[in-house]
């Protein structure tokens, strides 16, 4: 697919109506993707849970521009999006939250707290 065609298609992809979002919701750095992220997390919760699971950080490689992008020196992919996720022994991801930095607001609708995750493990 040509670059111009891809950019034209991407200009029409929207997950939220910008006019209906309050200023409080816009403090979340991922407010434009939040409805899609929430529906993805709800779908992951419907998967059958394994008995053993662990919580760890996940680095999603990304070299473009984003205010959510993180740098981690000792990782194979040093630049990218940092996620906190709970995965089972088979490697299936059951829950996640995107790290938005110290000043970023974490998801209020579905926060992944280590205490809650440890109770569910």
PDB file of N, CA and C in Angstrom:
ATOM      1  N   UNK A   1       0.851  -1.169   0.000  1.00  0.00           N
ATOM      2  CA  UNK A   1       0.000   0.000   0.000  1.00  0.00           C
ATOM      3  C   UNK A   1       0.901   1.238   0.000  1.00  0.00           C
ATOM      4  N   UNK A   2       0.535   2.202  -0.761  1.00  0.00           N
ATOM      5  CA  UNK A   2       1.317   3.433  -0.848  1.00  0.00           C
ATOM      6  C   UNK A   2       1.203   4.248   0.441  1.00  0.00           C
ATOM      7  N   UNK A   3       2.238   5.021   0.744  1.00  0.00           N
ATOM      8  CA  UNK A   3       2.267   5.809   1.980  1.00  0.00           C
ATOM      9  C   UNK A   3       1.124   6.812   2.021  1.00  0.00           C
ATOM     10  N   UNK A   4       0.878   7.509   0.925  1.00  0.00           N
ATOM     11  CA  UNK A   4      -0.187   8.521   0.909  1.00  0.00           C
ATOM     12  C   UNK A   4      -1.560   7.889   1.131  1.00  0.00           C
ATOM     13  N   UNK A   5      -1.781   6.721   0.549  1.00  0.00           N
ATOM     14  CA  UNK A   5      -3.066   6.030   0.757  1.00  0.00           C
ATOM     15  C   UNK A   5      -3.209   5.617   2.222  1.00  0.00           C
ATOM     16  N   UNK A   6      -2.143   5.093   2.817  1.00  0.00           N
ATOM     17  CA  UNK A   6      -2.181   4.696   4.223  1.00  0.00           C
ATOM     18  C   UNK A   6      -2.473   5.898   5.114  1.00  0.00           C
ATOM     19  N   UNK A   7      -1.818   7.020   4.868  1.00  0.00           N
ATOM     20  CA  UNK A   7      -2.050   8.218   5.674  1.00  0.00           C
ATOM     21  C   UNK A   7      -3.471   8.734   5.506  1.00  0.00           C
ATOM     22  N   UNK A   8      -4.014   8.652   4.314  1.00  0.00           N
ATOM     23  CA  UNK A   8      -5.395   9.087   4.100  1.00  0.00           C
ATOM     24  C   UNK A   8      -6.369   8.184   4.868  1.00  0.00           C
ATOM     25  N   UNK A   9      -6.141   6.869   4.836  1.00  0.00           N
ATOM     26  CA  UNK A   9      -6.998   5.951   5.587  1.00  0.00           C
ATOM     27  C   UNK A   9      -6.875   6.195   7.091  1.00  0.00           C
ATOM     28  N   UNK A  10      -5.668   6.398   7.581  1.00  0.00           N
ATOM     29  CA  UNK A  10      -5.458   6.615   9.010  1.00  0.00           C
ATOM     30  C   UNK A  10      -6.075   7.931   9.493  1.00  0.00           C
ATOM     31  N   UNK A  11      -6.208   8.916   8.613  1.00  0.00           N
ATOM     32  CA  UNK A  11      -6.812  10.184   9.014  1.00  0.00           C
ATOM     33  C   UNK A  11      -8.304  10.037   9.312  1.00  0.00           C
ATOM     34  N   UNK A  12      -8.905   8.932   8.866  1.00  0.00           N
ATOM     35  CA  UNK A  12     -10.332   8.703   9.090  1.00  0.00           C
ATOM     36  C   UNK A  12     -10.620   7.714  10.213  1.00  0.00           C
ATOM     37  N   UNK A  13      -9.584   7.195  10.864  1.00  0.00           N
ATOM     38  CA  UNK A  13      -9.770   6.244  11.966  1.00  0.00           C
ATOM     39  C   UNK A  13      -9.840   7.025  13.272  1.00  0.00           C
ATOM     40  N   UNK A  14     -10.972   6.935  13.957  1.00  0.00           N
ATOM     41  CA  UNK A  14     -11.165   7.622  15.235  1.00  0.00           C
ATOM     42  C   UNK A  14     -11.833   6.663  16.217  1.00  0.00           C
ATOM     43  N   UNK A  15     -11.403   6.726  17.474  1.00  0.00           N
ATOM     44  CA  UNK A  15     -11.978   5.884  18.513  1.00  0.00           C
ATOM     45  C   UNK A  15     -12.887   6.661  19.448  1.00  0.00           C
ATOM     46  N   UNK A  16     -12.812   7.993  19.436  1.00  0.00           N
ATOM     47  CA  UNK A  16     -13.602   8.811  20.343  1.00  0.00           C
ATOM     48  C   UNK A  16     -13.953  10.119  19.635  1.00  0.00           C
ATOM     49  N   UNK A  17     -15.118  10.672  19.969  1.00  0.00           N
ATOM     50  CA  UNK A  17     -15.524  11.965  19.437  1.00  0.00           C
ATOM     51  C   UNK A  17     -14.844  13.060  20.261  1.00  0.00           C
ATOM     52  N   UNK A  18     -13.988  13.848  19.644  1.00  0.00           N
ATOM     53  CA  UNK A  18     -13.213  14.869  20.346  1.00  0.00           C
ATOM     54  C   UNK A  18     -14.081  15.934  21.002  1.00  0.00           C
ATOM     55  N   UNK A  19     -15.271  16.173  20.478  1.00  0.00           N
ATOM     56  CA  UNK A  19     -16.133  17.225  21.009  1.00  0.00           C
ATOM     57  C   UNK A  19     -16.871  16.790  22.277  1.00  0.00           C
ATOM     58  N   UNK A  20     -16.972  15.485  22.521  1.00  0.00           N
ATOM     59  CA  UNK A  20     -17.712  14.975  23.671  1.00  0.00           C
ATOM     60  C   UNK A  20     -16.831  14.620  24.863  1.00  0.00           C
ATOM     61  N   UNK A  21     -15.542  14.919  24.792  1.00  0.00           N
ATOM     62  CA  UNK A  21     -14.611  14.552  25.857  1.00  0.00           C
ATOM     63  C   UNK A  21     -14.404  15.749  26.779  1.00  0.00           C
ATOM     64  N   UNK A  22     -14.504  15.501  28.098  1.00  0.00           N
ATOM     65  CA  UNK A  22     -14.322  16.584  29.066  1.00  0.00           C
ATOM     66  C   UNK A  22     -12.835  16.883  29.250  1.00  0.00           C
ATOM     67  N   UNK A  23     -12.546  18.031  29.828  1.00  0.00           N
ATOM     68  CA  UNK A  23     -11.157  18.423  30.078  1.00  0.00           C
ATOM     69  C   UNK A  23     -10.496  17.493  31.091  1.00  0.00           C
ATOM     70  N   UNK A  24     -11.267  16.961  32.024  1.00  0.00           N
ATOM     71  CA  UNK A  24     -10.717  16.029  33.014  1.00  0.00           C
ATOM     72  C   UNK A  24     -10.251  14.740  32.348  1.00  0.00           C
ATOM     73  N   UNK A  25     -11.016  14.251  31.383  1.00  0.00           N
ATOM     74  CA  UNK A  25     -10.629  13.038  30.663  1.00  0.00           C
ATOM     75  C   UNK A  25      -9.406  13.269  29.788  1.00  0.00           C
ATOM     76  N   UNK A  26      -9.208  14.507  29.340  1.00  0.00           N
ATOM     77  CA  UNK A  26      -8.064  14.816  28.484  1.00  0.00           C
ATOM     78  C   UNK A  26      -6.746  14.863  29.248  1.00  0.00           C
ATOM     79  N   UNK A  27      -6.774  14.772  30.596  1.00  0.00           N
ATOM     80  CA  UNK A  27      -5.521  14.716  31.348  1.00  0.00           C
ATOM     81  C   UNK A  27      -4.842  13.364  31.164  1.00  0.00           C
ATOM     82  N   UNK A  28      -5.595  12.349  30.753  1.00  0.00           N
ATOM     83  CA  UNK A  28      -5.034  11.042  30.431  1.00  0.00           C
ATOM     84  C   UNK A  28      -4.335  11.169  29.078  1.00  0.00           C
ATOM     85  N   UNK A  29      -3.055  10.781  28.995  1.00  0.00           N
ATOM     86  CA  UNK A  29      -2.309  10.917  27.749  1.00  0.00           C
ATOM     87  C   UNK A  29      -2.857  10.027  26.638  1.00  0.00           C
ATOM     88  N   UNK A  30      -3.570   8.999  26.999  1.00  0.00           N
ATOM     89  CA  UNK A  30      -4.121   8.063  26.013  1.00  0.00           C
ATOM     90  C   UNK A  30      -5.630   8.199  25.863  1.00  0.00           C
ATOM     91  N   UNK A  31      -6.167   9.391  26.080  1.00  0.00           N
ATOM     92  CA  UNK A  31      -7.613   9.575  26.074  1.00  0.00           C
ATOM     93  C   UNK A  31      -8.233   9.260  24.721  1.00  0.00           C
ATOM     94  N   UNK A  32      -7.502   9.418  23.646  1.00  0.00           N
ATOM     95  CA  UNK A  32      -8.073   9.118  22.331  1.00  0.00           C
ATOM     96  C   UNK A  32      -8.200   7.614  22.088  1.00  0.00           C
ATOM     97  N   UNK A  33      -7.351   6.830  22.731  1.00  0.00           N
ATOM     98  CA  UNK A  33      -7.388   5.378  22.569  1.00  0.00           C
ATOM     99  C   UNK A  33      -8.072   4.658  23.723  1.00  0.00           C
ATOM    100  N   UNK A  34      -8.438   5.372  24.777  1.00  0.00           N
ATOM    101  CA  UNK A  34      -8.956   4.749  25.992  1.00  0.00           C
ATOM    102  C   UNK A  34     -10.170   3.839  25.740  1.00  0.00           C
ATOM    103  N   UNK A  35     -11.168   4.220  24.911  1.00  0.00           N
ATOM    104  CA  UNK A  35     -12.298   3.294  24.688  1.00  0.00           C
ATOM    105  C   UNK A  35     -11.844   1.975  24.067  1.00  0.00           C
ATOM    106  N   UNK A  36     -10.908   2.021  23.127  1.00  0.00           N
ATOM    107  CA  UNK A  36     -10.401   0.806  22.495  1.00  0.00           C
ATOM    108  C   UNK A  36      -9.588  -0.017  23.490  1.00  0.00           C
ATOM    109  N   UNK A  37      -8.745   0.641  24.302  1.00  0.00           N
ATOM    110  CA  UNK A  37      -7.956  -0.069  25.312  1.00  0.00           C
ATOM    111  C   UNK A  37      -8.854  -0.747  26.340  1.00  0.00           C
ATOM    112  N   UNK A  38      -9.907  -0.059  26.768  1.00  0.00           N
ATOM    113  CA  UNK A  38     -10.837  -0.632  27.736  1.00  0.00           C
ATOM    114  C   UNK A  38     -11.563  -1.849  27.167  1.00  0.00           C
ATOM    115  N   UNK A  39     -11.990  -1.775  25.912  1.00  0.00           N
ATOM    116  CA  UNK A  39     -12.685  -2.917  25.310  1.00  0.00           C
ATOM    117  C   UNK A  39     -11.722  -4.089  25.119  1.00  0.00           C
ATOM    118  N   UNK A  40     -10.460  -3.800  24.812  1.00  0.00           N
ATOM    119  CA  UNK A  40      -9.464  -4.870  24.692  1.00  0.00           C
ATOM    120  C   UNK A  40      -9.229  -5.534  26.044  1.00  0.00           C
ATOM    121  N   UNK A  41      -9.141  -4.733  27.101  1.00  0.00           N
ATOM    122  CA  UNK A  41      -8.945  -5.295  28.438  1.00  0.00           C
ATOM    123  C   UNK A  41     -10.154  -6.126  28.878  1.00  0.00           C
ATOM    124  N   UNK A  42     -11.350  -5.665  28.547  1.00  0.00           N
ATOM    125  CA  UNK A  42     -12.550  -6.445  28.876  1.00  0.00           C
ATOM    126  C   UNK A  42     -12.561  -7.776  28.138  1.00  0.00           C
ATOM    127  N   UNK A  43     -12.087  -7.791  26.901  1.00  0.00           N
ATOM    128  CA  UNK A  43     -12.005  -9.041  26.137  1.00  0.00           C
ATOM    129  C   UNK A  43     -10.977  -9.983  26.751  1.00  0.00           C
ATOM    130  N   UNK A  44      -9.850  -9.435  27.228  1.00  0.00           N
ATOM    131  CA  UNK A  44      -8.829 -10.271  27.857  1.00  0.00           C
ATOM    132  C   UNK A  44      -9.334 -10.882  29.161  1.00  0.00           C
ATOM    133  N   UNK A  45     -10.188 -10.155  29.889  1.00  0.00           N
ATOM    134  CA  UNK A  45     -10.734 -10.681  31.146  1.00  0.00           C
ATOM    135  C   UNK A  45     -11.645 -11.877  30.928  1.00  0.00           C
ATOM    136  N   UNK A  46     -12.221 -12.008  29.740  1.00  0.00           N
ATOM    137  CA  UNK A  46     -13.128 -13.113  29.444  1.00  0.00           C
ATOM    138  C   UNK A  46     -12.383 -14.420  29.172  1.00  0.00           C
ATOM    139  N   UNK A  47     -11.064 -14.350  28.961  1.00  0.00           N
ATOM    140  CA  UNK A  47     -10.282 -15.562  28.716  1.00  0.00           C
ATOM    141  C   UNK A  47     -10.229 -16.403  29.983  1.00  0.00           C
ATOM    142  N   UNK A  48     -10.201 -17.722  29.856  1.00  0.00           N
ATOM    143  CA  UNK A  48     -10.076 -18.566  31.050  1.00  0.00           C
ATOM    144  C   UNK A  48      -8.723 -18.325  31.721  1.00  0.00           C
ATOM    145  N   UNK A  49      -8.752 -18.039  33.015  1.00  0.00           N
ATOM    146  CA  UNK A  49      -7.544 -17.694  33.765  1.00  0.00           C
ATOM    147  C   UNK A  49      -6.777 -18.955  34.153  1.00  0.00           C
ATOM    148  N   UNK A  50      -5.450 -18.840  34.147  1.00  0.00           N
ATOM    149  CA  UNK A  50      -4.595 -19.933  34.595  1.00  0.00           C
ATOM    150  C   UNK A  50      -4.380 -19.823  36.097  1.00  0.00           C
ATOM    151  N   UNK A  51      -3.946 -20.912  36.694  1.00  0.00           N
ATOM    152  CA  UNK A  51      -3.727 -20.922  38.134  1.00  0.00           C
ATOM    153  C   UNK A  51      -2.515 -20.072  38.519  1.00  0.00           C
ATOM    154  N   UNK A  52      -1.458 -20.144  37.736  1.00  0.00           N
ATOM    155  CA  UNK A  52      -0.230 -19.403  38.037  1.00  0.00           C
ATOM    156  C   UNK A  52      -0.058 -18.269  37.039  1.00  0.00           C
ATOM    157  N   UNK A  53       0.229 -17.083  37.558  1.00  0.00           N
ATOM    158  CA  UNK A  53       0.478 -15.939  36.688  1.00  0.00           C
ATOM    159  C   UNK A  53       1.506 -15.033  37.337  1.00  0.00           C
ATOM    160  N   UNK A  54       2.066 -14.126  36.543  1.00  0.00           N
ATOM    161  CA  UNK A  54       3.075 -13.206  37.069  1.00  0.00           C
ATOM    162  C   UNK A  54       2.838 -11.808  36.503  1.00  0.00           C
ATOM    163  N   UNK A  55       3.329 -10.825  37.237  1.00  0.00           N
ATOM    164  CA  UNK A  55       3.213  -9.430  36.832  1.00  0.00           C
ATOM    165  C   UNK A  55       4.601  -8.945  36.461  1.00  0.00           C
ATOM    166  N   UNK A  56       4.731  -8.299  35.311  1.00  0.00           N
ATOM    167  CA  UNK A  56       6.032  -7.808  34.872  1.00  0.00           C
ATOM    168  C   UNK A  56       5.816  -6.667  33.891  1.00  0.00           C
ATOM    169  N   UNK A  57       6.907  -5.963  33.607  1.00  0.00           N
ATOM    170  CA  UNK A  57       6.825  -4.899  32.622  1.00  0.00           C
ATOM    171  C   UNK A  57       7.076  -5.476  31.238  1.00  0.00           C
ATOM    172  N   UNK A  58       6.446  -4.879  30.244  1.00  0.00           N
ATOM    173  CA  UNK A  58       6.566  -5.303  28.861  1.00  0.00           C
ATOM    174  C   UNK A  58       6.972  -4.082  28.058  1.00  0.00           C
ATOM    175  N   UNK A  59       7.959  -4.230  27.203  1.00  0.00           N
ATOM    176  CA  UNK A  59       8.395  -3.124  26.356  1.00  0.00           C
ATOM    177  C   UNK A  59       7.919  -3.391  24.927  1.00  0.00           C
ATOM    178  N   UNK A  60       7.089  -2.508  24.406  1.00  0.00           N
ATOM    179  CA  UNK A  60       6.610  -2.601  23.030  1.00  0.00           C
ATOM    180  C   UNK A  60       7.470  -1.657  22.198  1.00  0.00           C
ATOM    181  N   UNK A  61       8.307  -2.187  21.285  1.00  0.00           N
ATOM    182  CA  UNK A  61       9.230  -1.328  20.533  1.00  0.00           C
ATOM    183  C   UNK A  61       8.496  -0.267  19.718  1.00  0.00           C
ATOM    184  N   UNK A  62       9.012   0.973  19.786  1.00  0.00           N
ATOM    185  CA  UNK A  62       8.421   2.080  19.046  1.00  0.00           C
ATOM    186  C   UNK A  62       9.484   3.164  18.902  1.00  0.00           C
ATOM    187  N   UNK A  63       9.700   3.651  17.680  1.00  0.00           N
ATOM    188  CA  UNK A  63      10.723   4.677  17.453  1.00  0.00           C
ATOM    189  C   UNK A  63      10.137   6.001  16.991  1.00  0.00           C
ATOM    190  N   UNK A  64       8.827   6.079  16.870  1.00  0.00           N
ATOM    191  CA  UNK A  64       8.184   7.318  16.443  1.00  0.00           C
ATOM    192  C   UNK A  64       8.091   8.331  17.577  1.00  0.00           C
ATOM    193  N   UNK A  65       7.318   9.372  17.355  1.00  0.00           N
ATOM    194  CA  UNK A  65       7.128  10.413  18.371  1.00  0.00           C
ATOM    195  C   UNK A  65       5.884  10.130  19.191  1.00  0.00           C
ATOM    196  N   UNK A  66       6.052  10.190  20.505  1.00  0.00           N
ATOM    197  CA  UNK A  66       4.928  10.010  21.409  1.00  0.00           C
ATOM    198  C   UNK A  66       5.332  10.493  22.792  1.00  0.00           C
ATOM    199  N   UNK A  67       4.385  11.089  23.500  1.00  0.00           N
ATOM    200  CA  UNK A  67       4.669  11.542  24.862  1.00  0.00           C
ATOM    201  C   UNK A  67       4.670  10.387  25.849  1.00  0.00           C
ATOM    202  N   UNK A  68       4.257   9.205  25.425  1.00  0.00           N
ATOM    203  CA  UNK A  68       4.186   8.036  26.290  1.00  0.00           C
ATOM    204  C   UNK A  68       5.428   7.151  26.110  1.00  0.00           C
ATOM    205  N   UNK A  69       6.227   7.434  25.097  1.00  0.00           N
ATOM    206  CA  UNK A  69       7.407   6.622  24.804  1.00  0.00           C
ATOM    207  C   UNK A  69       8.422   6.704  25.939  1.00  0.00           C
ATOM    208  N   UNK A  70       9.023   5.568  26.289  1.00  0.00           N
ATOM    209  CA  UNK A  70       9.993   5.474  27.381  1.00  0.00           C
ATOM    210  C   UNK A  70      11.334   4.989  26.850  1.00  0.00           C
ATOM    211  N   UNK A  71      12.406   5.308  27.592  1.00  0.00           N
ATOM    212  CA  UNK A  71      13.739   4.804  27.295  1.00  0.00           C
ATOM    213  C   UNK A  71      14.187   3.922  28.454  1.00  0.00           C
ATOM    214  N   UNK A  72      14.593   2.701  28.138  1.00  0.00           N
ATOM    215  CA  UNK A  72      15.094   1.784  29.159  1.00  0.00           C
ATOM    216  C   UNK A  72      16.433   1.237  28.672  1.00  0.00           C
ATOM    217  N   UNK A  73      17.481   1.610  29.361  1.00  0.00           N
ATOM    218  CA  UNK A  73      18.849   1.361  28.925  1.00  0.00           C
ATOM    219  C   UNK A  73      19.178  -0.117  28.746  1.00  0.00           C
ATOM    220  N   UNK A  74      18.790  -0.982  29.642  1.00  0.00           N
ATOM    221  CA  UNK A  74      19.227  -2.375  29.622  1.00  0.00           C
ATOM    222  C   UNK A  74      18.266  -3.327  28.922  1.00  0.00           C
ATOM    223  N   UNK A  75      17.433  -2.833  28.058  1.00  0.00           N
ATOM    224  CA  UNK A  75      16.479  -3.676  27.341  1.00  0.00           C
ATOM    225  C   UNK A  75      16.961  -3.894  25.902  1.00  0.00           C
ATOM    226  N   UNK A  76      16.586  -5.017  25.281  1.00  0.00           N
ATOM    227  CA  UNK A  76      16.955  -5.232  23.877  1.00  0.00           C
ATOM    228  C   UNK A  76      16.360  -4.158  22.957  1.00  0.00           C
ATOM    229  N   UNK A  77      15.131  -3.750  23.222  1.00  0.00           N
ATOM    230  CA  UNK A  77      14.491  -2.645  22.508  1.00  0.00           C
ATOM    231  C   UNK A  77      14.422  -1.491  23.498  1.00  0.00           C
ATOM    232  N   UNK A  78      15.315  -0.508  23.353  1.00  0.00           N
ATOM    233  CA  UNK A  78      15.466   0.518  24.380  1.00  0.00           C
ATOM    234  C   UNK A  78      14.383   1.585  24.338  1.00  0.00           C
ATOM    235  N   UNK A  79      13.791   1.831  23.186  1.00  0.00           N
ATOM    236  CA  UNK A  79      12.747   2.850  23.063  1.00  0.00           C
ATOM    237  C   UNK A  79      11.422   2.175  22.774  1.00  0.00           C
ATOM    238  N   UNK A  80      10.380   2.620  23.456  1.00  0.00           N
ATOM    239  CA  UNK A  80       9.066   2.061  23.183  1.00  0.00           C
ATOM    240  C   UNK A  80       8.064   2.386  24.255  1.00  0.00           C
ATOM    241  N   UNK A  81       6.935   1.714  24.191  1.00  0.00           N
ATOM    242  CA  UNK A  81       5.869   1.890  25.170  1.00  0.00           C
ATOM    243  C   UNK A  81       6.068   0.866  26.282  1.00  0.00           C
ATOM    244  N   UNK A  82       5.988   1.336  27.509  1.00  0.00           N
ATOM    245  CA  UNK A  82       6.148   0.454  28.658  1.00  0.00           C
ATOM    246  C   UNK A  82       4.770   0.086  29.183  1.00  0.00           C
ATOM    247  N   UNK A  83       4.516  -1.207  29.286  1.00  0.00           N
ATOM    248  CA  UNK A  83       3.247  -1.714  29.788  1.00  0.00           C
ATOM    249  C   UNK A  83       3.516  -2.520  31.045  1.00  0.00           C
ATOM    250  N   UNK A  84       2.569  -2.508  31.944  1.00  0.00           N
ATOM    251  CA  UNK A  84       2.572  -3.425  33.078  1.00  0.00           C
ATOM    252  C   UNK A  84       1.522  -4.457  32.755  1.00  0.00           C
ATOM    253  N   UNK A  85       1.911  -5.722  32.798  1.00  0.00           N
ATOM    254  CA  UNK A  85       0.975  -6.759  32.416  1.00  0.00           C
ATOM    255  C   UNK A  85       1.021  -7.960  33.326  1.00  0.00           C
ATOM    256  N   UNK A  86      -0.097  -8.682  33.342  1.00  0.00           N
ATOM    257  CA  UNK A  86      -0.202  -9.940  34.069  1.00  0.00           C
ATOM    258  C   UNK A  86      -0.408 -11.034  33.037  1.00  0.00           C
ATOM    259  N   UNK A  87       0.515 -11.990  33.032  1.00  0.00           N
ATOM    260  CA  UNK A  87       0.458 -13.077  32.062  1.00  0.00           C
ATOM    261  C   UNK A  87       0.476 -14.415  32.782  1.00  0.00           C
ATOM    262  N   UNK A  88      -0.072 -15.400  32.139  1.00  0.00           N
ATOM    263  CA  UNK A  88      -0.098 -16.753  32.688  1.00  0.00           C
ATOM    264  C   UNK A  88       1.172 -17.506  32.334  1.00  0.00           C
ATOM    265  N   UNK A  89       1.291 -18.722  32.824  1.00  0.00           N
ATOM    266  CA  UNK A  89       2.463 -19.556  32.573  1.00  0.00           C
ATOM    267  C   UNK A  89       2.618 -19.874  31.085  1.00  0.00           C
ATOM    268  N   UNK A  90       1.523 -19.891  30.337  1.00  0.00           N
ATOM    269  CA  UNK A  90       1.588 -20.164  28.898  1.00  0.00           C
ATOM    270  C   UNK A  90       2.022 -18.943  28.093  1.00  0.00           C
ATOM    271  N   UNK A  91       2.069 -17.772  28.737  1.00  0.00           N
ATOM    272  CA  UNK A  91       2.455 -16.547  28.041  1.00  0.00           C
ATOM    273  C   UNK A  91       1.268 -15.705  27.597  1.00  0.00           C
ATOM    274  N   UNK A  92       0.070 -16.131  27.901  1.00  0.00           N
ATOM    275  CA  UNK A  92      -1.130 -15.384  27.534  1.00  0.00           C
ATOM    276  C   UNK A  92      -1.279 -14.165  28.434  1.00  0.00           C
ATOM    277  N   UNK A  93      -1.479 -13.001  27.834  1.00  0.00           N
ATOM    278  CA  UNK A  93      -1.661 -11.761  28.581  1.00  0.00           C
ATOM    279  C   UNK A  93      -3.119 -11.659  29.034  1.00  0.00           C
ATOM    280  N   UNK A  94      -3.330 -11.457  30.347  1.00  0.00           N
ATOM    281  CA  UNK A  94      -4.684 -11.387  30.891  1.00  0.00           C
ATOM    282  C   UNK A  94      -5.091  -9.978  31.293  1.00  0.00           C
ATOM    283  N   UNK A  95      -4.130  -9.130  31.582  1.00  0.00           N
ATOM    284  CA  UNK A  95      -4.437  -7.776  32.039  1.00  0.00           C
ATOM    285  C   UNK A  95      -3.216  -6.908  31.771  1.00  0.00           C
ATOM    286  N   UNK A  96      -3.426  -5.629  31.431  1.00  0.00           N
ATOM    287  CA  UNK A  96      -2.304  -4.736  31.185  1.00  0.00           C
ATOM    288  C   UNK A  96      -2.710  -3.297  31.472  1.00  0.00           C
ATOM    289  N   UNK A  97      -1.713  -2.442  31.626  1.00  0.00           N
ATOM    290  CA  UNK A  97      -1.921  -1.011  31.758  1.00  0.00           C
ATOM    291  C   UNK A  97      -0.718  -0.321  31.149  1.00  0.00           C
ATOM    292  N   UNK A  98      -0.937   0.741  30.394  1.00  0.00           N
ATOM    293  CA  UNK A  98       0.143   1.470  29.741  1.00  0.00           C
ATOM    294  C   UNK A  98       0.726   2.461  30.734  1.00  0.00           C
ATOM    295  N   UNK A  99       2.054   2.411  30.922  1.00  0.00           N
ATOM    296  CA  UNK A  99       2.743   3.351  31.807  1.00  0.00           C
ATOM    297  C   UNK A  99       2.860   4.675  31.079  1.00  0.00           C
ATOM    298  N   UNK A 100       2.428   5.762  31.746  1.00  0.00           N
ATOM    299  CA  UNK A 100       2.412   7.073  31.112  1.00  0.00           C
ATOM    300  C   UNK A 100       3.422   8.032  31.715  1.00  0.00           C
ATOM    301  N   UNK A 101       4.347   7.538  32.490  1.00  0.00           N
ATOM    302  CA  UNK A 101       5.341   8.396  33.120  1.00  0.00           C
ATOM    303  C   UNK A 101       4.880   8.826  34.497  1.00  0.00           C
ATOM    304  N   UNK A 102       5.794   9.464  35.231  1.00  0.00           N
ATOM    305  CA  UNK A 102       5.493   9.876  36.600  1.00  0.00           C
ATOM    306  C   UNK A 102       4.366  10.901  36.653  1.00  0.00           C
ATOM    307  N   UNK A 103       4.303  11.788  35.661  1.00  0.00           N
ATOM    308  CA  UNK A 103       3.263  12.818  35.666  1.00  0.00           C
ATOM    309  C   UNK A 103       1.989  12.363  34.960  1.00  0.00           C
ATOM    310  N   UNK A 104       2.053  11.228  34.258  1.00  0.00           N
ATOM    311  CA  UNK A 104       0.882  10.746  33.526  1.00  0.00           C
ATOM    312  C   UNK A 104      -0.139  10.118  34.446  1.00  0.00           C
ATOM    313  N   UNK A 105      -1.382  10.183  34.040  1.00  0.00           N
ATOM    314  CA  UNK A 105      -2.484   9.602  34.814  1.00  0.00           C
ATOM    315  C   UNK A 105      -2.704   8.177  34.338  1.00  0.00           C
ATOM    316  N   UNK A 106      -2.705   7.222  35.248  1.00  0.00           N
ATOM    317  CA  UNK A 106      -2.962   5.836  34.881  1.00  0.00           C
ATOM    318  C   UNK A 106      -4.462   5.639  34.703  1.00  0.00           C
ATOM    319  N   UNK A 107      -4.800   4.549  34.079  1.00  0.00           N
ATOM    320  CA  UNK A 107      -6.197   4.258  33.795  1.00  0.00           C
ATOM    321  C   UNK A 107      -7.018   4.191  35.080  1.00  0.00           C
ATOM    322  N   UNK A 108      -8.074   4.997  35.161  1.00  0.00           N
ATOM    323  CA  UNK A 108      -8.962   4.961  36.325  1.00  0.00           C
ATOM    324  C   UNK A 108     -10.013   3.877  36.168  1.00  0.00           C
ATOM    325  N   UNK A 109     -10.394   3.600  34.917  1.00  0.00           N
ATOM    326  CA  UNK A 109     -11.446   2.628  34.682  1.00  0.00           C
ATOM    327  C   UNK A 109     -10.978   1.207  34.986  1.00  0.00           C
ATOM    328  N   UNK A 110      -9.707   0.910  34.711  1.00  0.00           N
ATOM    329  CA  UNK A 110      -9.208  -0.448  34.896  1.00  0.00           C
ATOM    330  C   UNK A 110      -7.746  -0.414  35.323  1.00  0.00           C
ATOM    331  N   UNK A 111      -7.435   0.120  36.515  1.00  0.00           N
ATOM    332  CA  UNK A 111      -6.044   0.210  36.924  1.00  0.00           C
ATOM    333  C   UNK A 111      -5.486  -1.157  37.287  1.00  0.00           C
ATOM    334  N   UNK A 112      -4.243  -1.379  36.956  1.00  0.00           N
ATOM    335  CA  UNK A 112      -3.577  -2.620  37.313  1.00  0.00           C
ATOM    336  C   UNK A 112      -2.678  -2.316  38.500  1.00  0.00           C
ATOM    337  N   UNK A 113      -3.126  -2.674  39.694  1.00  0.00           N
ATOM    338  CA  UNK A 113      -2.309  -2.452  40.880  1.00  0.00           C
ATOM    339  C   UNK A 113      -1.677  -3.765  41.289  1.00  0.00           C
ATOM    340  N   UNK A 114      -0.455  -3.704  41.770  1.00  0.00           N
ATOM    341  CA  UNK A 114       0.263  -4.926  42.106  1.00  0.00           C
ATOM    342  C   UNK A 114      -0.442  -5.679  43.236  1.00  0.00           C
ATOM    343  N   UNK A 115      -1.055  -4.986  44.179  1.00  0.00           N
ATOM    344  CA  UNK A 115      -1.736  -5.669  45.277  1.00  0.00           C
ATOM    345  C   UNK A 115      -2.933  -6.478  44.758  1.00  0.00           C
ATOM    346  N   UNK A 116      -3.708  -5.897  43.854  1.00  0.00           N
ATOM    347  CA  UNK A 116      -4.868  -6.601  43.319  1.00  0.00           C
ATOM    348  C   UNK A 116      -4.407  -7.789  42.470  1.00  0.00           C
ATOM    349  N   UNK A 117      -3.323  -7.594  41.695  1.00  0.00           N
ATOM    350  CA  UNK A 117      -2.848  -8.673  40.854  1.00  0.00           C
ATOM    351  C   UNK A 117      -2.284  -9.824  41.682  1.00  0.00           C
ATOM    352  N   UNK A 118      -1.618  -9.508  42.785  1.00  0.00           N
ATOM    353  CA  UNK A 118      -1.071 -10.557  43.619  1.00  0.00           C
ATOM    354  C   UNK A 118      -2.190 -11.376  44.259  1.00  0.00           C
ATOM    355  N   UNK A 119      -3.312 -10.719  44.598  1.00  0.00           N
ATOM    356  CA  UNK A 119      -4.437 -11.440  45.183  1.00  0.00           C
ATOM    357  C   UNK A 119      -5.057 -12.399  44.174  1.00  0.00           C
ATOM    358  N   UNK A 120      -5.050 -12.002  42.875  1.00  0.00           N
ATOM    359  CA  UNK A 120      -5.684 -12.843  41.862  1.00  0.00           C
ATOM    360  C   UNK A 120      -4.781 -13.971  41.391  1.00  0.00           C
ATOM    361  N   UNK A 121      -3.508 -13.917  41.732  1.00  0.00           N
ATOM    362  CA  UNK A 121      -2.556 -14.946  41.273  1.00  0.00           C
ATOM    363  C   UNK A 121      -2.688 -16.227  42.061  1.00  0.00           C
TER     364      UNK A 121
END
